[in-house]
Amino acid sequence: MIEITSTELRRNMGKYLELVVENKEQVLVRYRKKRVFSLTLEPIKGGRIEKAEKNDKYFEQPEVLQSILRGREDVKAGRVRKFTTVKDLWEGIQ
């Protein structure tokens, strides 16, 4: 574990990010002598952080999932409208 100041992080951010990535080293960043932040490597799945996906209960709700699936089916079936201007958008709403 390495502890640095926020100023040191700003000056050498690439260096410390590489330490975290290559060495799997934890870097602690002290900010204004009151707070400490931690730089750690998180696993990524499909361009998203796994941890964030697991904690998002909204998408686990059945009605939300059904709505998303219906929307995908609508797109595949061509039941969509494309708007090129704000005026077109408002005409479609009225």
N, C-alpha and C. Protein backbone atom coordinates (compact mmCIF):
# COMPACT_ATOMS: atom_id res chain seq x y z
N MET A 1 0.85 -1.17 0.00
CA MET A 1 0.00 0.00 0.00
C MET A 1 0.90 1.24 0.00
N ILE A 2 0.50 2.21 -0.84
CA ILE A 2 1.26 3.46 -0.96
C ILE A 2 0.33 4.60 -0.56
N GLU A 3 0.83 5.58 0.18
CA GLU A 3 0.05 6.75 0.55
C GLU A 3 0.71 7.98 -0.03
N ILE A 4 -0.10 8.81 -0.75
CA ILE A 4 0.42 10.03 -1.38
C ILE A 4 -0.56 11.17 -1.11
N THR A 5 -0.16 12.38 -1.49
CA THR A 5 -1.04 13.54 -1.38
C THR A 5 -1.80 13.73 -2.69
N SER A 6 -2.86 14.50 -2.65
CA SER A 6 -3.62 14.77 -3.87
C SER A 6 -2.77 15.55 -4.87
N THR A 7 -1.88 16.39 -4.40
CA THR A 7 -0.98 17.13 -5.29
C THR A 7 -0.05 16.17 -6.03
N GLU A 8 0.49 15.20 -5.30
CA GLU A 8 1.36 14.20 -5.92
C GLU A 8 0.59 13.40 -6.96
N LEU A 9 -0.66 13.08 -6.69
CA LEU A 9 -1.49 12.35 -7.66
C LEU A 9 -1.69 13.17 -8.92
N ARG A 10 -1.98 14.47 -8.77
CA ARG A 10 -2.17 15.33 -9.94
C ARG A 10 -0.91 15.39 -10.79
N ARG A 11 0.22 15.48 -10.15
CA ARG A 11 1.49 15.59 -10.88
C ARG A 11 1.87 14.31 -11.61
N ASN A 12 1.54 13.16 -11.02
CA ASN A 12 1.99 11.87 -11.56
C ASN A 12 0.85 10.86 -11.63
N MET A 13 -0.30 11.28 -12.12
CA MET A 13 -1.46 10.41 -12.13
C MET A 13 -1.20 9.11 -12.90
N GLY A 14 -0.61 9.22 -14.07
CA GLY A 14 -0.33 8.04 -14.89
C GLY A 14 0.51 7.02 -14.15
N LYS A 15 1.50 7.49 -13.46
CA LYS A 15 2.41 6.61 -12.71
C LYS A 15 1.63 5.80 -11.67
N TYR A 16 0.77 6.47 -10.92
CA TYR A 16 0.04 5.80 -9.86
C TYR A 16 -1.07 4.90 -10.39
N LEU A 17 -1.70 5.30 -11.49
CA LEU A 17 -2.70 4.43 -12.10
C LEU A 17 -2.04 3.15 -12.62
N GLU A 18 -0.85 3.28 -13.21
CA GLU A 18 -0.12 2.10 -13.67
C GLU A 18 0.27 1.19 -12.50
N LEU A 19 0.65 1.79 -11.38
CA LEU A 19 0.96 0.98 -10.19
C LEU A 19 -0.25 0.14 -9.77
N VAL A 20 -1.40 0.77 -9.82
CA VAL A 20 -2.63 0.06 -9.44
C VAL A 20 -2.93 -1.05 -10.44
N VAL A 21 -2.82 -0.75 -11.73
CA VAL A 21 -3.16 -1.72 -12.77
C VAL A 21 -2.14 -2.85 -12.83
N GLU A 22 -0.87 -2.52 -12.93
CA GLU A 22 0.16 -3.54 -13.14
C GLU A 22 0.50 -4.32 -11.88
N ASN A 23 0.61 -3.65 -10.78
CA ASN A 23 1.05 -4.31 -9.54
C ASN A 23 -0.11 -4.70 -8.63
N LYS A 24 -1.34 -4.31 -9.04
CA LYS A 24 -2.50 -4.54 -8.18
C LYS A 24 -2.25 -3.93 -6.79
N GLU A 25 -1.56 -2.80 -6.81
CA GLU A 25 -1.18 -2.08 -5.59
C GLU A 25 -2.30 -1.11 -5.20
N GLN A 26 -2.61 -1.02 -3.94
CA GLN A 26 -3.59 -0.05 -3.47
C GLN A 26 -2.87 1.26 -3.19
N VAL A 27 -3.43 2.35 -3.73
CA VAL A 27 -2.85 3.67 -3.53
C VAL A 27 -3.84 4.51 -2.73
N LEU A 28 -3.40 5.03 -1.59
CA LEU A 28 -4.22 5.92 -0.77
C LEU A 28 -3.84 7.36 -1.06
N VAL A 29 -4.84 8.19 -1.28
CA VAL A 29 -4.62 9.61 -1.60
C VAL A 29 -5.16 10.44 -0.46
N ARG A 30 -4.28 11.17 0.21
CA ARG A 30 -4.68 12.04 1.31
C ARG A 30 -5.09 13.39 0.72
N TYR A 31 -6.27 13.86 1.11
CA TYR A 31 -6.82 15.11 0.60
C TYR A 31 -7.06 16.08 1.75
N ARG A 32 -6.34 17.16 1.75
CA ARG A 32 -6.46 18.23 2.76
C ARG A 32 -6.36 17.74 4.20
N LYS A 33 -5.55 16.78 4.43
CA LYS A 33 -5.26 16.25 5.77
C LYS A 33 -6.49 15.74 6.51
N LYS A 34 -7.65 15.70 5.84
CA LYS A 34 -8.86 15.29 6.53
C LYS A 34 -9.44 14.01 5.97
N ARG A 35 -9.24 13.78 4.67
CA ARG A 35 -9.87 12.63 4.03
C ARG A 35 -8.84 11.80 3.29
N VAL A 36 -9.13 10.52 3.17
CA VAL A 36 -8.26 9.61 2.43
C VAL A 36 -9.12 8.87 1.41
N PHE A 37 -8.68 8.88 0.17
CA PHE A 37 -9.34 8.16 -0.91
C PHE A 37 -8.46 6.99 -1.32
N SER A 38 -9.07 5.96 -1.84
CA SER A 38 -8.34 4.77 -2.22
C SER A 38 -8.46 4.53 -3.73
N LEU A 39 -7.34 4.29 -4.40
CA LEU A 39 -7.35 3.90 -5.81
C LEU A 39 -7.15 2.39 -5.85
N THR A 40 -8.15 1.70 -6.36
CA THR A 40 -8.04 0.25 -6.47
C THR A 40 -8.56 -0.18 -7.84
N LEU A 41 -8.16 -1.33 -8.29
CA LEU A 41 -8.58 -1.86 -9.58
C LEU A 41 -9.87 -2.64 -9.42
N GLU A 42 -10.90 -2.29 -10.21
CA GLU A 42 -12.17 -3.00 -10.18
C GLU A 42 -12.32 -3.81 -11.46
N PRO A 43 -12.85 -5.03 -11.38
CA PRO A 43 -13.06 -5.82 -12.60
C PRO A 43 -14.14 -5.19 -13.48
N ILE A 44 -13.95 -5.26 -14.79
CA ILE A 44 -14.90 -4.67 -15.73
C ILE A 44 -15.49 -5.79 -16.59
N LYS A 45 -16.81 -5.73 -16.78
CA LYS A 45 -17.50 -6.73 -17.59
C LYS A 45 -18.33 -6.00 -18.63
N GLY A 46 -18.02 -6.18 -19.89
CA GLY A 46 -18.81 -5.56 -20.95
C GLY A 46 -18.79 -4.05 -20.91
N GLY A 47 -17.70 -3.45 -20.47
CA GLY A 47 -17.60 -2.00 -20.44
C GLY A 47 -18.22 -1.35 -19.22
N ARG A 48 -18.78 -2.16 -18.33
CA ARG A 48 -19.38 -1.61 -17.11
C ARG A 48 -18.73 -2.27 -15.91
N ILE A 49 -18.70 -1.58 -14.83
CA ILE A 49 -18.12 -2.12 -13.61
C ILE A 49 -19.11 -3.10 -13.00
N GLU A 50 -18.65 -4.32 -12.75
CA GLU A 50 -19.53 -5.36 -12.20
C GLU A 50 -20.18 -4.93 -10.90
N LYS A 51 -19.43 -4.29 -10.04
CA LYS A 51 -19.94 -3.89 -8.73
C LYS A 51 -21.17 -2.99 -8.88
N ALA A 52 -21.13 -2.06 -9.83
CA ALA A 52 -22.25 -1.15 -10.03
C ALA A 52 -23.47 -1.91 -10.53
N GLU A 53 -23.28 -2.91 -11.39
CA GLU A 53 -24.39 -3.68 -11.91
C GLU A 53 -25.07 -4.48 -10.79
N LYS A 54 -24.30 -5.04 -9.91
CA LYS A 54 -24.85 -5.86 -8.84
C LYS A 54 -25.67 -5.03 -7.86
N ASN A 55 -25.32 -3.78 -7.67
CA ASN A 55 -25.98 -2.94 -6.68
C ASN A 55 -27.19 -2.19 -7.24
N ASP A 56 -27.44 -2.28 -8.54
CA ASP A 56 -28.53 -1.52 -9.14
C ASP A 56 -29.81 -2.35 -9.13
N LYS A 57 -30.60 -2.19 -8.09
CA LYS A 57 -31.83 -2.96 -7.89
C LYS A 57 -32.94 -2.55 -8.86
N TYR A 58 -32.83 -1.36 -9.45
CA TYR A 58 -33.87 -0.87 -10.35
C TYR A 58 -34.10 -1.84 -11.50
N PHE A 59 -33.01 -2.33 -12.10
CA PHE A 59 -33.13 -3.20 -13.27
C PHE A 59 -33.51 -4.63 -12.91
N GLU A 60 -33.60 -4.95 -11.63
CA GLU A 60 -34.04 -6.27 -11.20
C GLU A 60 -35.56 -6.33 -11.05
N GLN A 61 -36.23 -5.19 -11.11
CA GLN A 61 -37.68 -5.16 -10.97
C GLN A 61 -38.32 -5.75 -12.23
N PRO A 62 -39.26 -6.69 -12.09
CA PRO A 62 -39.86 -7.36 -13.25
C PRO A 62 -40.52 -6.41 -14.23
N GLU A 63 -41.22 -5.39 -13.72
CA GLU A 63 -41.91 -4.47 -14.64
C GLU A 63 -40.93 -3.64 -15.46
N VAL A 64 -39.79 -3.30 -14.87
CA VAL A 64 -38.77 -2.55 -15.61
C VAL A 64 -38.16 -3.43 -16.69
N LEU A 65 -37.83 -4.66 -16.35
CA LEU A 65 -37.26 -5.59 -17.32
C LEU A 65 -38.23 -5.85 -18.46
N GLN A 66 -39.53 -6.04 -18.15
CA GLN A 66 -40.53 -6.25 -19.19
C GLN A 66 -40.64 -5.04 -20.12
N SER A 67 -40.58 -3.86 -19.55
CA SER A 67 -40.65 -2.64 -20.35
C SER A 67 -39.46 -2.53 -21.31
N ILE A 68 -38.29 -2.87 -20.82
CA ILE A 68 -37.10 -2.84 -21.66
C ILE A 68 -37.23 -3.86 -22.79
N LEU A 69 -37.68 -5.06 -22.48
CA LEU A 69 -37.84 -6.10 -23.50
C LEU A 69 -38.88 -5.70 -24.54
N ARG A 70 -40.00 -5.08 -24.10
CA ARG A 70 -41.01 -4.60 -25.05
C ARG A 70 -40.43 -3.54 -25.97
N GLY A 71 -39.62 -2.66 -25.41
CA GLY A 71 -38.99 -1.62 -26.22
C GLY A 71 -38.06 -2.21 -27.27
N ARG A 72 -37.30 -3.22 -26.89
CA ARG A 72 -36.41 -3.89 -27.86
C ARG A 72 -37.22 -4.54 -28.98
N GLU A 73 -38.34 -5.18 -28.62
CA GLU A 73 -39.20 -5.80 -29.63
C GLU A 73 -39.78 -4.75 -30.57
N ASP A 74 -40.18 -3.61 -30.03
CA ASP A 74 -40.70 -2.52 -30.87
C ASP A 74 -39.65 -2.06 -31.87
N VAL A 75 -38.43 -1.92 -31.43
CA VAL A 75 -37.36 -1.48 -32.33
C VAL A 75 -37.14 -2.51 -33.43
N LYS A 76 -37.08 -3.79 -33.06
CA LYS A 76 -36.87 -4.86 -34.06
C LYS A 76 -38.01 -4.90 -35.08
N ALA A 77 -39.24 -4.64 -34.62
CA ALA A 77 -40.41 -4.69 -35.50
C ALA A 77 -40.59 -3.40 -36.30
N GLY A 78 -39.75 -2.41 -36.04
CA GLY A 78 -39.85 -1.15 -36.79
C GLY A 78 -40.86 -0.18 -36.25
N ARG A 79 -41.37 -0.42 -35.06
CA ARG A 79 -42.34 0.49 -34.45
C ARG A 79 -41.61 1.60 -33.71
N VAL A 80 -40.96 2.45 -34.49
CA VAL A 80 -40.20 3.56 -33.93
C VAL A 80 -40.45 4.81 -34.76
N ARG A 81 -40.17 5.95 -34.19
CA ARG A 81 -40.21 7.22 -34.91
C ARG A 81 -38.90 7.93 -34.69
N LYS A 82 -38.39 8.51 -35.75
CA LYS A 82 -37.15 9.26 -35.64
C LYS A 82 -37.47 10.75 -35.71
N PHE A 83 -36.85 11.50 -34.81
CA PHE A 83 -37.05 12.94 -34.76
C PHE A 83 -35.74 13.62 -35.12
N THR A 84 -35.82 14.56 -36.05
CA THR A 84 -34.61 15.28 -36.45
C THR A 84 -34.57 16.68 -35.89
N THR A 85 -35.73 17.20 -35.50
CA THR A 85 -35.76 18.55 -34.92
C THR A 85 -36.67 18.54 -33.69
N VAL A 86 -36.55 19.55 -32.90
CA VAL A 86 -37.40 19.69 -31.71
C VAL A 86 -38.85 19.86 -32.13
N LYS A 87 -39.07 20.56 -33.22
CA LYS A 87 -40.44 20.77 -33.72
C LYS A 87 -41.08 19.42 -34.05
N ASP A 88 -40.35 18.53 -34.70
CA ASP A 88 -40.88 17.19 -35.01
C ASP A 88 -41.23 16.44 -33.73
N LEU A 89 -40.40 16.59 -32.73
CA LEU A 89 -40.64 15.92 -31.46
C LEU A 89 -41.94 16.39 -30.84
N TRP A 90 -42.15 17.70 -30.79
CA TRP A 90 -43.35 18.24 -30.17
C TRP A 90 -44.60 17.89 -30.97
N GLU A 91 -44.49 17.83 -32.29
CA GLU A 91 -45.64 17.43 -33.10
C GLU A 91 -46.02 15.98 -32.82
N GLY A 92 -45.05 15.13 -32.54
CA GLY A 92 -45.32 13.73 -32.24
C GLY A 92 -45.95 13.54 -30.88
N ILE A 93 -45.73 14.47 -29.97
CA ILE A 93 -46.28 14.36 -28.61
C ILE A 93 -47.74 14.82 -28.59
N GLN A 94 -48.06 15.85 -29.36
CA GLN A 94 -49.42 16.42 -29.32
C GLN A 94 -50.45 15.55 -29.96
